[in-house]
Amino acid sequence: MHLGEQSRAGLTLVEVMVAVVVLAIGVCGLVGSSALAARMTGRGRVESRVAQVAAGRMELLRLAAGSTTPRCASGSFAAGGPLSTQTVTERWEVTPTGPVRQVRVIVSYPIPGGAHTDTLETRIDC
């Protein structure tokens, strides 16, 4: 090495600072994405549970309708609720007369910032 030459081994302070800023931005983006994915997974779990509750109630009503002769004469094939299980509240409506009955199951559950309501509807031949 001669006296007039400078060594270029290593990084300058500016290069290190730029690398740290780029890395920090990347880490923040990754943390934000993982938090969003966790919220979506949690909400999906709740919505799956709500769908199971509604489908279960609909199946019970369908079984009650077919349990008597003539069909739909069972006392349990009628409107009812509200009934709460864990964080899900359900109620159901059944058209009281006719050869085809409209059946509606309404489920409500809490979400951040309020409550959400979903409805499952079908028709049952009597």
Protein backbone atom coordinates (compact mmCIF):
# COMPACT_ATOMS: atom_id res chain seq x y z
CA MET A 1 0.00 0.00 0.00
CA HIS A 2 1.29 3.41 -0.86
CA LEU A 3 0.93 6.54 1.24
CA GLY A 4 -1.61 8.27 -1.09
CA GLU A 5 -4.06 5.33 -1.26
CA GLN A 6 -7.09 4.89 1.00
CA SER A 7 -8.46 1.53 2.04
CA ARG A 8 -12.05 0.80 0.83
CA ALA A 9 -12.59 -2.24 3.05
CA GLY A 10 -15.92 -2.15 5.00
CA LEU A 11 -19.01 0.06 4.75
CA THR A 12 -19.50 3.74 5.30
CA LEU A 13 -21.79 5.05 8.01
CA VAL A 14 -24.30 6.24 5.36
CA GLU A 15 -24.47 2.75 3.80
CA VAL A 16 -25.11 1.17 7.20
CA MET A 17 -27.87 3.69 8.01
CA VAL A 18 -29.60 3.06 4.65
CA ALA A 19 -29.46 -0.70 5.26
CA VAL A 20 -30.95 -0.31 8.76
CA VAL A 21 -33.81 1.87 7.44
CA VAL A 22 -34.62 -0.61 4.65
CA LEU A 23 -34.55 -3.50 7.13
CA ALA A 24 -36.81 -1.61 9.58
CA ILE A 25 -39.37 -0.90 6.84
CA GLY A 26 -39.38 -4.57 5.86
CA VAL A 27 -39.82 -5.75 9.45
CA CYS A 28 -42.71 -3.31 10.01
CA GLY A 29 -44.45 -4.58 6.88
CA LEU A 30 -44.01 -8.18 8.00
CA VAL A 31 -45.40 -7.47 11.49
CA GLY A 32 -48.40 -5.66 10.03
CA SER A 33 -49.14 -8.52 7.64
CA SER A 34 -48.92 -11.15 10.36
CA ALA A 35 -51.29 -9.18 12.62
CA LEU A 36 -53.81 -8.92 9.77
CA ALA A 37 -53.52 -12.66 9.08
CA ALA A 38 -54.11 -13.44 12.77
CA ARG A 39 -57.25 -11.28 12.84
CA MET A 40 -58.57 -12.90 9.67
CA THR A 41 -57.94 -16.37 11.08
CA GLY A 42 -59.74 -15.52 14.31
CA ARG A 43 -62.73 -14.09 12.48
CA GLY A 44 -62.86 -17.11 10.19
CA ARG A 45 -62.95 -19.39 13.23
CA VAL A 46 -65.89 -17.44 14.70
CA GLU A 47 -67.79 -17.39 11.41
CA SER A 48 -67.32 -21.15 11.01
CA ARG A 49 -68.75 -21.69 14.50
CA VAL A 50 -71.72 -19.43 13.69
CA ALA A 51 -72.40 -21.35 10.46
CA GLN A 52 -72.33 -24.64 12.38
CA VAL A 53 -74.82 -23.31 14.95
CA ALA A 54 -77.21 -22.10 12.22
CA ALA A 55 -76.94 -25.34 10.22
CA GLY A 56 -77.49 -27.39 13.38
CA ARG A 57 -80.65 -25.48 14.27
CA MET A 58 -81.92 -25.84 10.70
CA GLU A 59 -81.32 -29.60 10.85
CA LEU A 60 -83.22 -29.87 14.16
CA LEU A 61 -86.17 -28.02 12.61
CA ARG A 62 -86.04 -30.25 9.53
CA LEU A 63 -86.05 -33.35 11.76
CA ALA A 64 -88.96 -31.98 13.82
CA ALA A 65 -90.96 -31.34 10.64
CA GLY A 66 -90.53 -34.93 9.49
CA SER A 67 -91.05 -36.56 12.88
CA THR A 68 -94.86 -36.55 12.78
CA THR A 69 -97.65 -37.71 10.52
CA PRO A 70 -98.87 -35.46 9.03
CA ARG A 71 -95.60 -33.63 8.56
CA CYS A 72 -94.94 -30.35 10.38
CA ALA A 73 -97.38 -31.13 13.22
CA SER A 74 -94.67 -31.35 15.90
CA GLY A 75 -94.76 -28.73 18.61
CA SER A 76 -91.00 -28.29 18.24
CA PHE A 77 -91.44 -27.26 14.59
CA ALA A 78 -92.23 -23.66 15.52
CA ALA A 79 -90.56 -20.30 15.97
CA GLY A 80 -88.30 -19.98 18.97
CA GLY A 81 -85.37 -18.37 20.68
CA PRO A 82 -83.42 -16.40 21.49
CA LEU A 83 -81.02 -19.06 22.67
CA SER A 84 -77.39 -18.23 23.48
CA THR A 85 -74.49 -20.66 23.31
CA GLN A 86 -71.08 -19.23 24.16
CA THR A 87 -71.02 -15.96 22.18
CA VAL A 88 -73.62 -16.89 19.54
CA THR A 89 -77.30 -15.97 19.93
CA GLU A 90 -79.80 -17.73 17.70
CA ARG A 91 -83.50 -17.41 17.04
CA TRP A 92 -85.64 -19.06 14.42
CA GLU A 93 -88.84 -18.24 12.59
CA VAL A 94 -91.22 -20.75 10.99
CA THR A 95 -94.24 -19.84 8.87
CA PRO A 96 -97.14 -21.28 10.90
CA THR A 97 -99.30 -22.66 8.08
CA GLY A 98 -99.20 -23.82 4.49
CA PRO A 99 -97.96 -26.76 2.43
CA VAL A 100 -94.49 -25.21 2.21
CA ARG A 101 -93.10 -23.48 5.30
CA GLN A 102 -90.52 -20.72 5.21
CA VAL A 103 -87.86 -21.38 7.86
CA ARG A 104 -85.34 -18.72 8.87
CA VAL A 105 -82.52 -19.07 11.41
CA ILE A 106 -81.00 -15.77 12.56
CA VAL A 107 -77.66 -15.84 14.39
CA SER A 108 -75.91 -12.88 16.02
CA TYR A 109 -72.37 -12.72 17.36
CA PRO A 110 -70.03 -10.03 18.63
CA ILE A 111 -67.33 -8.54 16.44
CA PRO A 112 -64.89 -5.76 17.29
CA GLY A 113 -66.91 -2.58 17.31
CA GLY A 114 -70.38 -4.14 17.61
CA ALA A 115 -72.35 -7.21 16.59
CA HIS A 116 -72.96 -9.03 13.32
CA THR A 117 -76.11 -10.92 12.26
CA ASP A 118 -76.36 -13.66 9.63
CA THR A 119 -79.52 -15.37 8.34
CA LEU A 120 -79.98 -18.88 6.95
CA GLU A 121 -83.25 -19.49 5.08
CA THR A 122 -84.90 -22.51 3.51
CA ARG A 123 -88.31 -23.95 2.70
CA ILE A 124 -89.61 -27.22 4.07
CA ASP A 125 -92.42 -29.20 2.41
CA CYS A 126 -95.17 -30.20 4.82
